[in-house]
Amino acid sequence: MASKVEKRKVSKAKKKDDVEVMHPTTKPTSEEIAVAKWIKANVPCKKTKFLSHSVEYFTASKAVDKLLTSPWSSPGKNKEEPLFTTRESVVQYLDL
């Protein structure tokens, strides 16, 4: 049977992992910020109440559809390869 001290150590380790997920140490790139702003402006949002809080949300499938018609899905000025070519590439980029 695990002692109380061992249980506390495990509990603290779990809390540390949760903090790292909620507050990542690396900052998003300028491209990631631009994609996020574009999604916020162009993907239709719904509003609802959740635990007595007003929240806005969007459906991931609609975001993927919109990103496939976004500026990042067409070749760049210098014939650069587009960032999003398939639905799978969008899902991988967004980490859904």
Protein backbone atom coordinates (compact mmCIF):
# COMPACT_ATOMS: atom_id res chain seq x y z
CA MET A 1 0.00 0.00 0.00
CA ALA A 2 1.35 3.43 -0.92
CA SER A 3 2.15 5.81 1.87
CA LYS A 4 0.65 9.28 2.18
CA VAL A 5 3.95 10.87 1.19
CA GLU A 6 4.11 8.86 -2.05
CA LYS A 7 0.50 9.77 -2.85
CA ARG A 8 1.30 13.47 -2.35
CA LYS A 9 4.31 13.21 -4.68
CA VAL A 10 2.14 11.64 -7.38
CA SER A 11 -0.54 14.28 -6.84
CA LYS A 12 1.99 17.12 -7.16
CA ALA A 13 3.41 15.58 -10.34
CA LYS A 14 -0.07 15.42 -11.89
CA LYS A 15 -0.74 19.06 -10.99
CA LYS A 16 2.56 20.08 -12.59
CA ASP A 17 1.59 18.29 -15.82
CA ASP A 18 -1.78 20.07 -15.84
CA VAL A 19 -0.10 23.47 -15.46
CA GLU A 20 2.23 22.74 -18.39
CA VAL A 21 -0.76 21.92 -20.61
CA MET A 22 -2.70 25.03 -19.63
CA HIS A 23 0.33 27.34 -19.86
CA PRO A 24 2.73 26.14 -22.56
CA THR A 25 6.33 27.30 -22.27
CA THR A 26 6.72 28.02 -25.99
CA LYS A 27 4.96 30.98 -27.55
CA PRO A 28 2.96 30.55 -30.76
CA THR A 29 4.62 31.65 -33.99
CA SER A 30 3.36 34.66 -35.93
CA GLU A 31 1.89 32.25 -38.50
CA GLU A 32 -0.07 30.37 -35.81
CA ILE A 33 -1.40 33.65 -34.42
CA ALA A 34 -2.47 34.75 -37.91
CA VAL A 35 -4.29 31.44 -38.50
CA ALA A 36 -6.05 31.73 -35.13
CA LYS A 37 -7.19 35.31 -35.87
CA TRP A 38 -8.40 34.26 -39.32
CA ILE A 39 -10.39 31.36 -37.81
CA LYS A 40 -11.94 33.70 -35.22
CA ALA A 41 -13.00 36.15 -37.96
CA ASN A 42 -14.18 33.68 -40.62
CA VAL A 43 -15.57 30.57 -38.94
CA PRO A 44 -19.17 30.90 -37.72
CA CYS A 45 -19.48 30.74 -33.94
CA LYS A 46 -22.35 29.67 -31.74
CA LYS A 47 -23.11 31.05 -28.30
CA THR A 48 -24.41 29.10 -25.34
CA LYS A 49 -24.41 28.96 -21.56
CA PHE A 50 -22.02 26.51 -19.92
CA LEU A 51 -21.91 26.24 -16.14
CA SER A 52 -23.59 29.66 -15.91
CA HIS A 53 -20.94 31.22 -18.20
CA SER A 54 -21.56 32.56 -21.69
CA VAL A 55 -19.23 30.84 -24.15
CA GLU A 56 -18.64 30.97 -27.90
CA TYR A 57 -17.60 27.88 -29.80
CA PHE A 58 -17.20 26.63 -33.35
CA THR A 59 -17.39 23.22 -34.95
CA ALA A 60 -14.02 21.78 -35.95
CA SER A 61 -15.35 20.40 -39.25
CA LYS A 62 -16.45 23.89 -40.31
CA ALA A 63 -13.07 25.31 -39.33
CA VAL A 64 -11.32 22.65 -41.41
CA ASP A 65 -13.59 23.38 -44.40
CA LYS A 66 -12.90 27.11 -44.14
CA LEU A 67 -9.14 26.63 -43.80
CA LEU A 68 -9.12 24.57 -47.00
CA THR A 69 -10.39 27.70 -48.81
CA SER A 70 -8.15 30.11 -46.87
CA PRO A 71 -5.07 32.00 -48.09
CA TRP A 72 -2.91 29.25 -46.54
CA SER A 73 -4.36 26.62 -48.87
CA SER A 74 -3.15 28.26 -52.10
CA PRO A 75 0.46 28.50 -53.33
CA GLY A 76 2.42 31.53 -52.14
CA LYS A 77 3.90 34.33 -54.23
CA ASN A 78 7.17 32.45 -54.76
CA LYS A 79 5.43 29.18 -55.70
CA GLU A 80 5.76 28.04 -52.09
CA GLU A 81 3.91 24.90 -51.12
CA PRO A 82 0.59 25.70 -49.41
CA LEU A 83 0.35 25.07 -45.68
CA PHE A 84 -2.99 23.21 -45.97
CA THR A 85 -3.45 20.79 -48.83
CA THR A 86 -5.71 18.13 -47.29
CA ARG A 87 -8.09 17.78 -44.36
CA GLU A 88 -5.48 15.67 -42.61
CA SER A 89 -2.87 18.43 -42.89
CA VAL A 90 -5.30 20.90 -41.30
CA VAL A 91 -6.12 18.50 -38.45
CA GLN A 92 -2.44 17.85 -37.84
CA TYR A 93 -1.63 21.58 -37.81
CA LEU A 94 -4.48 22.39 -35.43
CA ASP A 95 -3.68 19.32 -33.31
CA LEU A 96 -7.32 18.24 -33.13
